[in-house]
PDB file of N, CA and C in Angstrom:
ATOM      1  N   MET A   1     232.776  83.135 -36.825  1.00  0.00           N
ATOM      2  CA  MET A   1     232.257  83.412 -38.136  1.00  0.00           C
ATOM      3  C   MET A   1     232.355  84.916 -38.385  1.00  0.00           C
ATOM      4  N   ALA A   2     232.901  85.292 -39.521  1.00  0.00           N
ATOM      5  CA  ALA A   2     233.110  86.701 -39.838  1.00  0.00           C
ATOM      6  C   ALA A   2     231.819  87.335 -40.346  1.00  0.00           C
ATOM      7  N   LEU A   3     231.622  88.583 -39.965  1.00  0.00           N
ATOM      8  CA  LEU A   3     230.474  89.322 -40.451  1.00  0.00           C
ATOM      9  C   LEU A   3     230.760  89.817 -41.861  1.00  0.00           C
ATOM     10  N   ARG A   4     229.765  89.720 -42.724  1.00  0.00           N
ATOM     11  CA  ARG A   4     229.925  90.188 -44.090  1.00  0.00           C
ATOM     12  C   ARG A   4     229.180  91.498 -44.252  1.00  0.00           C
ATOM     13  N   ASP A   5     229.666  92.283 -45.171  1.00  0.00           N
ATOM     14  CA  ASP A   5     228.999  93.538 -45.496  1.00  0.00           C
ATOM     15  C   ASP A   5     228.384  93.367 -46.887  1.00  0.00           C
ATOM     16  N   TYR A   6     227.056  93.224 -46.923  1.00  0.00           N
ATOM     17  CA  TYR A   6     226.359  93.013 -48.186  1.00  0.00           C
ATOM     18  C   TYR A   6     225.942  94.349 -48.775  1.00  0.00           C
ATOM     19  N   PRO A   7     225.991  94.474 -50.096  1.00  0.00           N
ATOM     20  CA  PRO A   7     225.535  95.717 -50.727  1.00  0.00           C
ATOM     21  C   PRO A   7     224.033  95.922 -50.512  1.00  0.00           C
ATOM     22  N   GLU A   8     223.608  97.172 -50.456  1.00  0.00           N
ATOM     23  CA  GLU A   8     222.196  97.489 -50.239  1.00  0.00           C
ATOM     24  C   GLU A   8     221.316  96.913 -51.345  1.00  0.00           C
ATOM     25  N   GLU A   9     221.813  96.900 -52.564  1.00  0.00           N
ATOM     26  CA  GLU A   9     221.045  96.356 -53.689  1.00  0.00           C
ATOM     27  C   GLU A   9     220.787  94.864 -53.484  1.00  0.00           C
ATOM     28  N   PHE A  10     221.782  94.133 -52.994  1.00  0.00           N
ATOM     29  CA  PHE A  10     221.618  92.711 -52.714  1.00  0.00           C
ATOM     30  C   PHE A  10     220.572  92.500 -51.627  1.00  0.00           C
ATOM     31  N   LYS A  11     220.636  93.329 -50.579  1.00  0.00           N
ATOM     32  CA  LYS A  11     219.656  93.215 -49.498  1.00  0.00           C
ATOM     33  C   LYS A  11     218.249  93.482 -50.010  1.00  0.00           C
ATOM     34  N   ALA A  12     218.087  94.523 -50.815  1.00  0.00           N
ATOM     35  CA  ALA A  12     216.772  94.873 -51.355  1.00  0.00           C
ATOM     36  C   ALA A  12     216.243  93.758 -52.263  1.00  0.00           C
ATOM     37  N   ASP A  13     217.119  93.186 -53.074  1.00  0.00           N
ATOM     38  CA  ASP A  13     216.707  92.089 -53.949  1.00  0.00           C
ATOM     39  C   ASP A  13     216.316  90.857 -53.141  1.00  0.00           C
ATOM     40  N   ALA A  14     217.045  90.587 -52.072  1.00  0.00           N
ATOM     41  CA  ALA A  14     216.729  89.434 -51.226  1.00  0.00           C
ATOM     42  C   ALA A  14     215.371  89.614 -50.555  1.00  0.00           C
ATOM     43  N   VAL A  15     215.094  90.817 -50.071  1.00  0.00           N
ATOM     44  CA  VAL A  15     213.805  91.106 -49.440  1.00  0.00           C
ATOM     45  C   VAL A  15     212.690  90.978 -50.469  1.00  0.00           C
ATOM     46  N   ALA A  16     212.900  91.543 -51.654  1.00  0.00           N
ATOM     47  CA  ALA A  16     211.885  91.465 -52.711  1.00  0.00           C
ATOM     48  C   ALA A  16     211.634  90.021 -53.121  1.00  0.00           C
ATOM     49  N   LEU A  17     212.682  89.218 -53.193  1.00  0.00           N
ATOM     50  CA  LEU A  17     212.530  87.809 -53.539  1.00  0.00           C
ATOM     51  C   LEU A  17     211.717  87.075 -52.491  1.00  0.00           C
ATOM     52  N   PHE A  18     211.989  87.344 -51.230  1.00  0.00           N
ATOM     53  CA  PHE A  18     211.242  86.693 -50.155  1.00  0.00           C
ATOM     54  C   PHE A  18     209.775  87.093 -50.194  1.00  0.00           C
ATOM     55  N   LEU A  19     209.504  88.365 -50.412  1.00  0.00           N
ATOM     56  CA  LEU A  19     208.132  88.865 -50.384  1.00  0.00           C
ATOM     57  C   LEU A  19     207.364  88.611 -51.674  1.00  0.00           C
ATOM     58  N   SER A  20     208.037  88.103 -52.711  1.00  0.00           N
ATOM     59  CA  SER A  20     207.376  87.910 -53.995  1.00  0.00           C
ATOM     60  C   SER A  20     206.353  86.782 -53.978  1.00  0.00           C
ATOM     61  N   ASP A  21     206.451  85.851 -53.029  1.00  0.00           N
ATOM     62  CA  ASP A  21     205.525  84.723 -52.977  1.00  0.00           C
ATOM     63  C   ASP A  21     205.245  84.370 -51.522  1.00  0.00           C
ATOM     64  N   ALA A  22     203.959  84.166 -51.228  1.00  0.00           N
ATOM     65  CA  ALA A  22     203.563  83.847 -49.850  1.00  0.00           C
ATOM     66  C   ALA A  22     204.103  82.489 -49.399  1.00  0.00           C
ATOM     67  N   GLY A  23     204.465  81.625 -50.332  1.00  0.00           N
ATOM     68  CA  GLY A  23     204.957  80.303 -49.988  1.00  0.00           C
ATOM     69  C   GLY A  23     206.445  80.250 -49.659  1.00  0.00           C
ATOM     70  N   ASN A  24     207.125  81.359 -49.814  1.00  0.00           N
ATOM     71  CA  ASN A  24     208.555  81.386 -49.527  1.00  0.00           C
ATOM     72  C   ASN A  24     208.810  81.279 -48.027  1.00  0.00           C
ATOM     73  N   THR A  25     209.918  80.645 -47.689  1.00  0.00           N
ATOM     74  CA  THR A  25     210.341  80.572 -46.293  1.00  0.00           C
ATOM     75  C   THR A  25     211.714  81.227 -46.175  1.00  0.00           C
ATOM     76  N   TYR A  26     211.989  81.723 -44.982  1.00  0.00           N
ATOM     77  CA  TYR A  26     213.299  82.333 -44.744  1.00  0.00           C
ATOM     78  C   TYR A  26     214.413  81.322 -45.025  1.00  0.00           C
ATOM     79  N   LYS A  27     214.201  80.099 -44.571  1.00  0.00           N
ATOM     80  CA  LYS A  27     215.230  79.067 -44.713  1.00  0.00           C
ATOM     81  C   LYS A  27     215.546  78.786 -46.180  1.00  0.00           C
ATOM     82  N   ARG A  28     214.493  78.632 -47.001  1.00  0.00           N
ATOM     83  CA  ARG A  28     214.708  78.282 -48.414  1.00  0.00           C
ATOM     84  C   ARG A  28     215.381  79.418 -49.173  1.00  0.00           C
ATOM     85  N   ILE A  29     214.885  80.631 -49.001  1.00  0.00           N
ATOM     86  CA  ILE A  29     215.451  81.764 -49.729  1.00  0.00           C
ATOM     87  C   ILE A  29     216.880  82.037 -49.263  1.00  0.00           C
ATOM     88  N   ALA A  30     217.114  81.963 -47.953  1.00  0.00           N
ATOM     89  CA  ALA A  30     218.466  82.189 -47.427  1.00  0.00           C
ATOM     90  C   ALA A  30     219.439  81.142 -47.961  1.00  0.00           C
ATOM     91  N   ALA A  31     219.006  79.894 -48.029  1.00  0.00           N
ATOM     92  CA  ALA A  31     219.877  78.842 -48.560  1.00  0.00           C
ATOM     93  C   ALA A  31     220.180  79.089 -50.037  1.00  0.00           C
ATOM     94  N   ASP A  32     219.170  79.525 -50.789  1.00  0.00           N
ATOM     95  CA  ASP A  32     219.383  79.811 -52.210  1.00  0.00           C
ATOM     96  C   ASP A  32     220.380  80.949 -52.414  1.00  0.00           C
ATOM     97  N   LEU A  33     220.343  81.933 -51.528  1.00  0.00           N
ATOM     98  CA  LEU A  33     221.224  83.092 -51.660  1.00  0.00           C
ATOM     99  C   LEU A  33     222.566  82.910 -50.963  1.00  0.00           C
ATOM    100  N   GLY A  34     222.682  81.861 -50.150  1.00  0.00           N
ATOM    101  CA  GLY A  34     223.934  81.609 -49.446  1.00  0.00           C
ATOM    102  C   GLY A  34     224.152  82.524 -48.255  1.00  0.00           C
ATOM    103  N   ILE A  35     223.055  82.904 -47.603  1.00  0.00           N
ATOM    104  CA  ILE A  35     223.156  83.748 -46.415  1.00  0.00           C
ATOM    105  C   ILE A  35     222.466  83.049 -45.258  1.00  0.00           C
ATOM    106  N   ASP A  36     222.632  83.589 -44.073  1.00  0.00           N
ATOM    107  CA  ASP A  36     222.014  83.012 -42.890  1.00  0.00           C
ATOM    108  C   ASP A  36     220.533  83.382 -42.842  1.00  0.00           C
ATOM    109  N   ARG A  37     219.720  82.469 -42.326  1.00  0.00           N
ATOM    110  CA  ARG A  37     218.281  82.678 -42.225  1.00  0.00           C
ATOM    111  C   ARG A  37     217.961  83.893 -41.369  1.00  0.00           C
ATOM    112  N   ALA A  38     218.654  84.034 -40.269  1.00  0.00           N
ATOM    113  CA  ALA A  38     218.412  85.162 -39.365  1.00  0.00           C
ATOM    114  C   ALA A  38     218.767  86.491 -40.028  1.00  0.00           C
ATOM    115  N   THR A  39     219.767  86.495 -40.866  1.00  0.00           N
ATOM    116  CA  THR A  39     220.151  87.713 -41.575  1.00  0.00           C
ATOM    117  C   THR A  39     219.033  88.150 -42.517  1.00  0.00           C
ATOM    118  N   LEU A  40     218.505  87.207 -43.270  1.00  0.00           N
ATOM    119  CA  LEU A  40     217.407  87.526 -44.184  1.00  0.00           C
ATOM    120  C   LEU A  40     216.194  88.024 -43.412  1.00  0.00           C
ATOM    121  N   ARG A  41     215.891  87.365 -42.306  1.00  0.00           N
ATOM    122  CA  ARG A  41     214.740  87.768 -41.498  1.00  0.00           C
ATOM    123  C   ARG A  41     214.913  89.194 -40.981  1.00  0.00           C
ATOM    124  N   LYS A  42     216.112  89.535 -40.569  1.00  0.00           N
ATOM    125  CA  LYS A  42     216.385  90.894 -40.085  1.00  0.00           C
ATOM    126  C   LYS A  42     216.200  91.908 -41.208  1.00  0.00           C
ATOM    127  N   TRP A  43     216.693  91.584 -42.400  1.00  0.00           N
ATOM    128  CA  TRP A  43     216.540  92.501 -43.531  1.00  0.00           C
ATOM    129  C   TRP A  43     215.060  92.741 -43.843  1.00  0.00           C
ATOM    130  N   VAL A  44     214.263  91.665 -43.806  1.00  0.00           N
ATOM    131  CA  VAL A  44     212.839  91.791 -44.115  1.00  0.00           C
ATOM    132  C   VAL A  44     212.135  92.635 -43.060  1.00  0.00           C
ATOM    133  N   THR A  45     212.397  92.354 -41.793  1.00  0.00           N
ATOM    134  CA  THR A  45     211.741  93.132 -40.733  1.00  0.00           C
ATOM    135  C   THR A  45     212.192  94.588 -40.748  1.00  0.00           C
ATOM    136  N   ASP A  46     213.473  94.835 -41.043  1.00  0.00           N
ATOM    137  CA  ASP A  46     213.962  96.213 -41.144  1.00  0.00           C
ATOM    138  C   ASP A  46     213.271  96.943 -42.296  1.00  0.00           C
ATOM    139  N   ALA A  47     213.106  96.279 -43.425  1.00  0.00           N
ATOM    140  CA  ALA A  47     212.447  96.892 -44.582  1.00  0.00           C
ATOM    141  C   ALA A  47     210.981  97.173 -44.287  1.00  0.00           C
ATOM    142  N   GLN A  48     210.336  96.277 -43.565  1.00  0.00           N
ATOM    143  CA  GLN A  48     208.932  96.482 -43.224  1.00  0.00           C
ATOM    144  C   GLN A  48     208.771  97.630 -42.231  1.00  0.00           C
ATOM    145  N   ARG A  49     209.664  97.722 -41.275  1.00  0.00           N
ATOM    146  CA  ARG A  49     209.601  98.824 -40.309  1.00  0.00           C
ATOM    147  C   ARG A  49     209.854 100.165 -40.979  1.00  0.00           C
ATOM    148  N   ALA A  50     210.736 100.176 -41.973  1.00  0.00           N
ATOM    149  CA  ALA A  50     211.053 101.405 -42.681  1.00  0.00           C
ATOM    150  C   ALA A  50     209.961 101.766 -43.689  1.00  0.00           C
ATOM    151  N   GLY A  51     209.014 100.860 -43.895  1.00  0.00           N
ATOM    152  CA  GLY A  51     207.943 101.118 -44.844  1.00  0.00           C
ATOM    153  C   GLY A  51     208.342 100.872 -46.276  1.00  0.00           C
ATOM    154  N   ILE A  52     209.486 100.262 -46.487  1.00  0.00           N
ATOM    155  CA  ILE A  52     209.962  99.980 -47.840  1.00  0.00           C
ATOM    156  C   ILE A  52     209.245  98.770 -48.422  1.00  0.00           C
ATOM    157  N   ALA A  53     208.963  97.784 -47.587  1.00  0.00           N
ATOM    158  CA  ALA A  53     208.342  96.537 -48.040  1.00  0.00           C
ATOM    159  C   ALA A  53     206.961  96.403 -47.424  1.00  0.00           C
ATOM    160  N   PRO A  54     206.040  95.732 -48.131  1.00  0.00           N
ATOM    161  CA  PRO A  54     204.718  95.504 -47.555  1.00  0.00           C
ATOM    162  C   PRO A  54     204.798  94.554 -46.370  1.00  0.00           C
ATOM    163  N   ALA A  55     203.845  94.656 -45.463  1.00  0.00           N
ATOM    164  CA  ALA A  55     203.837  93.799 -44.279  1.00  0.00           C
ATOM    165  C   ALA A  55     203.524  92.359 -44.645  1.00  0.00           C
ATOM    166  N   GLN A  56     202.713  92.157 -45.666  1.00  0.00           N
ATOM    167  CA  GLN A  56     202.365  90.813 -46.112  1.00  0.00           C
ATOM    168  C   GLN A  56     202.961  90.577 -47.490  1.00  0.00           C
ATOM    169  N   PRO A  57     203.432  89.356 -47.769  1.00  0.00           N
ATOM    170  CA  PRO A  57     203.954  89.064 -49.092  1.00  0.00           C
ATOM    171  C   PRO A  57     202.874  89.234 -50.147  1.00  0.00           C
ATOM    172  N   VAL A  58     203.282  89.675 -51.327  1.00  0.00           N
ATOM    173  CA  VAL A  58     202.352  89.806 -52.450  1.00  0.00           C
ATOM    174  C   VAL A  58     202.276  88.464 -53.136  1.00  0.00           C
ATOM    175  N   THR A  59     201.062  87.923 -53.273  1.00  0.00           N
ATOM    176  CA  THR A  59     200.893  86.619 -53.888  1.00  0.00           C
ATOM    177  C   THR A  59     200.791  86.754 -55.395  1.00  0.00           C
ATOM    178  N   ALA A  60     200.970  85.656 -56.079  1.00  0.00           N
ATOM    179  CA  ALA A  60     200.899  85.662 -57.535  1.00  0.00           C
ATOM    180  C   ALA A  60     199.514  86.086 -57.992  1.00  0.00           C
ATOM    181  N   GLY A  61     199.464  86.926 -59.002  1.00  0.00           N
ATOM    182  CA  GLY A  61     198.202  87.384 -59.531  1.00  0.00           C
ATOM    183  C   GLY A  61     197.600  88.530 -58.740  1.00  0.00           C
ATOM    184  N   GLN A  62     198.291  89.002 -57.726  1.00  0.00           N
ATOM    185  CA  GLN A  62     197.786  90.079 -56.892  1.00  0.00           C
ATOM    186  C   GLN A  62     198.729  91.255 -57.055  1.00  0.00           C
ATOM    187  N   SER A  63     198.192  92.427 -57.336  1.00  0.00           N
ATOM    188  CA  SER A  63     199.036  93.592 -57.474  1.00  0.00           C
ATOM    189  C   SER A  63     199.168  94.279 -56.118  1.00  0.00           C
ATOM    190  N   ALA A  64     200.150  95.153 -56.017  1.00  0.00           N
ATOM    191  CA  ALA A  64     200.363  95.856 -54.760  1.00  0.00           C
ATOM    192  C   ALA A  64     199.205  96.800 -54.458  1.00  0.00           C
ATOM    193  N   SER A  65     198.484  97.254 -55.483  1.00  0.00           N
ATOM    194  CA  SER A  65     197.357  98.153 -55.274  1.00  0.00           C
ATOM    195  C   SER A  65     196.061  97.444 -55.618  1.00  0.00           C
ATOM    196  N   GLU A  66     195.798  96.341 -54.950  1.00  0.00           N
ATOM    197  CA  GLU A  66     194.622  95.540 -55.254  1.00  0.00           C
ATOM    198  C   GLU A  66     193.332  96.231 -54.828  1.00  0.00           C
ATOM    199  N   GLY A  67     193.408  97.251 -54.020  1.00  0.00           N
ATOM    200  CA  GLY A  67     192.225  97.969 -53.609  1.00  0.00           C
ATOM    201  C   GLY A  67     191.571  98.694 -54.769  1.00  0.00           C
ATOM    202  N   ASP A  68     192.323  98.986 -55.832  1.00  0.00           N
ATOM    203  CA  ASP A  68     191.774  99.647 -56.997  1.00  0.00           C
ATOM    204  C   ASP A  68     190.991  98.637 -57.822  1.00  0.00           C
ATOM    205  N   VAL A  69     189.710  98.929 -58.026  1.00  0.00           N
ATOM    206  CA  VAL A  69     188.860  98.009 -58.773  1.00  0.00           C
ATOM    207  C   VAL A  69     189.108  98.148 -60.253  1.00  0.00           C
ATOM    208  N   GLY A  70     189.295  99.348 -60.742  1.00  0.00           N
ATOM    209  CA  GLY A  70     189.525  99.564 -62.152  1.00  0.00           C
ATOM    210  C   GLY A  70     188.247 100.000 -62.830  1.00  0.00           C
ATOM    211  N   SER A  71     188.391 100.484 -64.035  1.00  0.00           N
ATOM    212  CA  SER A  71     187.216 100.957 -64.759  1.00  0.00           C
ATOM    213  C   SER A  71     186.435  99.771 -65.313  1.00  0.00           C
ATOM    214  N   PRO A  72     185.153  99.974 -65.605  1.00  0.00           N
ATOM    215  CA  PRO A  72     184.340  98.880 -66.162  1.00  0.00           C
ATOM    216  C   PRO A  72     184.889  98.363 -67.482  1.00  0.00           C
ATOM    217  N   ASP A  73     185.483  99.245 -68.288  1.00  0.00           N
ATOM    218  CA  ASP A  73     186.042  98.802 -69.572  1.00  0.00           C
ATOM    219  C   ASP A  73     187.205  97.837 -69.357  1.00  0.00           C
ATOM    220  N   VAL A  74     188.039  98.137 -68.382  1.00  0.00           N
ATOM    221  CA  VAL A  74     189.182  97.269 -68.089  1.00  0.00           C
ATOM    222  C   VAL A  74     188.684  95.921 -67.576  1.00  0.00           C
ATOM    223  N   LEU A  75     187.693  95.945 -66.705  1.00  0.00           N
ATOM    224  CA  LEU A  75     187.150  94.697 -66.170  1.00  0.00           C
ATOM    225  C   LEU A  75     186.484  93.867 -67.266  1.00  0.00           C
ATOM    226  N   GLU A  76     185.774  94.528 -68.164  1.00  0.00           N
ATOM    227  CA  GLU A  76     185.125  93.810 -69.266  1.00  0.00           C
ATOM    228  C   GLU A  76     186.159  93.162 -70.183  1.00  0.00           C
ATOM    229  N   GLN A  77     187.234  93.886 -70.469  1.00  0.00           N
ATOM    230  CA  GLN A  77     188.314  93.343 -71.302  1.00  0.00           C
ATOM    231  C   GLN A  77     188.960  92.131 -70.617  1.00  0.00           C
ATOM    232  N   GLU A  78     189.169  92.233 -69.310  1.00  0.00           N
ATOM    233  CA  GLU A  78     189.744  91.120 -68.573  1.00  0.00           C
ATOM    234  C   GLU A  78     188.811  89.914 -68.580  1.00  0.00           C
ATOM    235  N   ASN A  79     187.514  90.156 -68.436  1.00  0.00           N
ATOM    236  CA  ASN A  79     186.537  89.065 -68.501  1.00  0.00           C
ATOM    237  C   ASN A  79     186.579  88.369 -69.853  1.00  0.00           C
ATOM    238  N   LEU A  80     186.667  89.138 -70.927  1.00  0.00           N
ATOM    239  CA  LEU A  80     186.737  88.541 -72.265  1.00  0.00           C
ATOM    240  C   LEU A  80     187.981  87.674 -72.415  1.00  0.00           C
ATOM    241  N   GLN A  81     189.107  88.169 -71.907  1.00  0.00           N
ATOM    242  CA  GLN A  81     190.349  87.393 -71.981  1.00  0.00           C
ATOM    243  C   GLN A  81     190.241  86.108 -71.167  1.00  0.00           C
ATOM    244  N   LEU A  82     189.643  86.201 -69.991  1.00  0.00           N
ATOM    245  CA  LEU A  82     189.511  85.018 -69.140  1.00  0.00           C
ATOM    246  C   LEU A  82     188.557  83.989 -69.753  1.00  0.00           C
ATOM    247  N   ARG A  83     187.483  84.462 -70.356  1.00  0.00           N
ATOM    248  CA  ARG A  83     186.551  83.538 -71.013  1.00  0.00           C
ATOM    249  C   ARG A  83     187.219  82.834 -72.183  1.00  0.00           C
ATOM    250  N   ALA A  84     188.039  83.561 -72.947  1.00  0.00           N
ATOM    251  CA  ALA A  84     188.763  82.949 -74.059  1.00  0.00           C
ATOM    252  C   ALA A  84     189.739  81.889 -73.538  1.00  0.00           C
ATOM    253  N   LYS A  85     190.397  82.192 -72.437  1.00  0.00           N
ATOM    254  CA  LYS A  85     191.339  81.228 -71.844  1.00  0.00           C
ATOM    255  C   LYS A  85     190.602  79.988 -71.345  1.00  0.00           C
ATOM    256  N   ILE A  86     189.416  80.185 -70.767  1.00  0.00           N
ATOM    257  CA  ILE A  86     188.614  79.041 -70.306  1.00  0.00           C
ATOM    258  C   ILE A  86     188.241  78.148 -71.484  1.00  0.00           C
ATOM    259  N   ARG A  87     187.797  78.761 -72.581  1.00  0.00           N
ATOM    260  CA  ARG A  87     187.447  77.972 -73.781  1.00  0.00           C
ATOM    261  C   ARG A  87     188.647  77.183 -74.286  1.00  0.00           C
ATOM    262  N   GLU A  88     189.820  77.834 -74.302  1.00  0.00           N
ATOM    263  CA  GLU A  88     191.033  77.161 -74.761  1.00  0.00           C
ATOM    264  C   GLU A  88     191.371  75.973 -73.858  1.00  0.00           C
ATOM    265  N   LEU A  89     191.290  76.161 -72.564  1.00  0.00           N
ATOM    266  CA  LEU A  89     191.614  75.081 -71.628  1.00  0.00           C
ATOM    267  C   LEU A  89     190.604  73.942 -71.703  1.00  0.00           C
ATOM    268  N   GLU A  90     189.319  74.281 -71.893  1.00  0.00           N
ATOM    269  CA  GLU A  90     188.303  73.231 -72.036  1.00  0.00           C
ATOM    270  C   GLU A  90     188.544  72.418 -73.298  1.00  0.00           C
ATOM    271  N   THR A  91     188.948  73.075 -74.375  1.00  0.00           N
ATOM    272  CA  THR A  91     189.253  72.367 -75.625  1.00  0.00           C
ATOM    273  C   THR A  91     190.435  71.429 -75.431  1.00  0.00           C
ATOM    274  N   GLU A  92     191.467  71.915 -74.777  1.00  0.00           N
ATOM    275  CA  GLU A  92     192.637  71.073 -74.514  1.00  0.00           C
ATOM    276  C   GLU A  92     192.265  69.875 -73.644  1.00  0.00           C
ATOM    277  N   ARG A  93     191.432  70.115 -72.621  1.00  0.00           N
ATOM    278  CA  ARG A  93     190.990  69.032 -71.749  1.00  0.00           C
ATOM    279  C   ARG A  93     190.229  67.974 -72.538  1.00  0.00           C
ATOM    280  N   ASP A  94     189.324  68.412 -73.430  1.00  0.00           N
ATOM    281  CA  ASP A  94     188.543  67.469 -74.224  1.00  0.00           C
ATOM    282  C   ASP A  94     189.430  66.641 -75.143  1.00  0.00           C
ATOM    283  N   ILE A  95     190.439  67.272 -75.736  1.00  0.00           N
ATOM    284  CA  ILE A  95     191.370  66.546 -76.607  1.00  0.00           C
ATOM    285  C   ILE A  95     192.122  65.490 -75.803  1.00  0.00           C
ATOM    286  N   LEU A  96     192.566  65.843 -74.613  1.00  0.00           N
ATOM    287  CA  LEU A  96     193.291  64.889 -73.777  1.00  0.00           C
ATOM    288  C   LEU A  96     192.397  63.731 -73.340  1.00  0.00           C
ATOM    289  N   ARG A  97     191.128  64.012 -73.046  1.00  0.00           N
ATOM    290  CA  ARG A  97     190.205  62.938 -72.684  1.00  0.00           C
ATOM    291  C   ARG A  97     190.017  61.968 -73.840  1.00  0.00           C
ATOM    292  N   LYS A  98     189.825  62.500 -75.054  1.00  0.00           N
ATOM    293  CA  LYS A  98     189.654  61.643 -76.224  1.00  0.00           C
ATOM    294  C   LYS A  98     190.900  60.808 -76.477  1.00  0.00           C
ATOM    295  N   ALA A  99     192.082  61.428 -76.309  1.00  0.00           N
ATOM    296  CA  ALA A  99     193.332  60.692 -76.508  1.00  0.00           C
ATOM    297  C   ALA A  99     193.477  59.594 -75.463  1.00  0.00           C
ATOM    298  N   ALA A 100     193.100  59.870 -74.239  1.00  0.00           N
ATOM    299  CA  ALA A 100     193.195  58.860 -73.187  1.00  0.00           C
ATOM    300  C   ALA A 100     192.272  57.692 -73.478  1.00  0.00           C
ATOM    301  N   LYS A 101     191.060  57.967 -73.942  1.00  0.00           N
ATOM    302  CA  LYS A 101     190.126  56.892 -74.282  1.00  0.00           C
ATOM    303  C   LYS A 101     190.667  56.069 -75.442  1.00  0.00           C
ATOM    304  N   TYR A 102     191.243  56.741 -76.434  1.00  0.00           N
ATOM    305  CA  TYR A 102     191.775  56.060 -77.607  1.00  0.00           C
ATOM    306  C   TYR A 102     192.909  55.120 -77.198  1.00  0.00           C
ATOM    307  N   PHE A 103     193.854  55.641 -76.427  1.00  0.00           N
ATOM    308  CA  PHE A 103     194.996  54.812 -76.037  1.00  0.00           C
ATOM    309  C   PHE A 103     194.617  53.735 -75.020  1.00  0.00           C
ATOM    310  N   ALA A 104     193.614  53.985 -74.225  1.00  0.00           N
ATOM    311  CA  ALA A 104     193.151  52.960 -73.301  1.00  0.00           C
ATOM    312  C   ALA A 104     192.513  51.809 -74.058  1.00  0.00           C
ATOM    313  N   GLY A 105     191.869  52.104 -75.163  1.00  0.00           N
ATOM    314  CA  GLY A 105     191.242  51.068 -75.982  1.00  0.00           C
ATOM    315  C   GLY A 105     192.252  50.240 -76.734  1.00  0.00           C
ATOM    316  N   GLU A 106     193.433  50.761 -77.010  1.00  0.00           N
ATOM    317  CA  GLU A 106     194.457  50.039 -77.759  1.00  0.00           C
ATOM    318  C   GLU A 106     195.200  49.013 -76.928  1.00  0.00           C
ATOM    319  N   THR A 107     195.195  49.147 -75.640  1.00  0.00           N
ATOM    320  CA  THR A 107     195.985  48.237 -74.815  1.00  0.00           C
ATOM    321  C   THR A 107     195.320  46.870 -74.771  1.00  0.00           C
ATOM    322  N   ASN A 108     196.121  45.860 -74.872  1.00  0.00           N
ATOM    323  CA  ASN A 108     195.657  44.471 -74.819  1.00  0.00           C
ATOM    324  C   ASN A 108     196.351  43.758 -73.678  1.00  0.00           C
ATOM    325  N   TRP A 109     196.012  44.126 -72.490  1.00  0.00           N
ATOM    326  CA  TRP A 109     196.669  43.537 -71.326  1.00  0.00           C
ATOM    327  C   TRP A 109     196.064  42.253 -71.033  1.00  0.00           C
TER     328      TRP A 109
END
């Protein structure tokens, strides 16, 4: 099997893709990119040793600087947005429940 020379940008993108979600596996990402699993693993470990990539994958909804709490105004604004989203989801849930009851009543099995 011949060794390939991949561009640095491709390697960096592959590492970033792997680290973008904690649920990613070397096998799945390598198969998607058409590279060997061991090659991807080497790129990730090399990037982590060089300090380019975080040691742990960043999960969805988590920023790289999660240690920063933020100002109270930012937190209050986020709380307001989350409460509005909760109200919206509860309304959608209630509509779906009513629709399910309605359609369940129509069936004549």
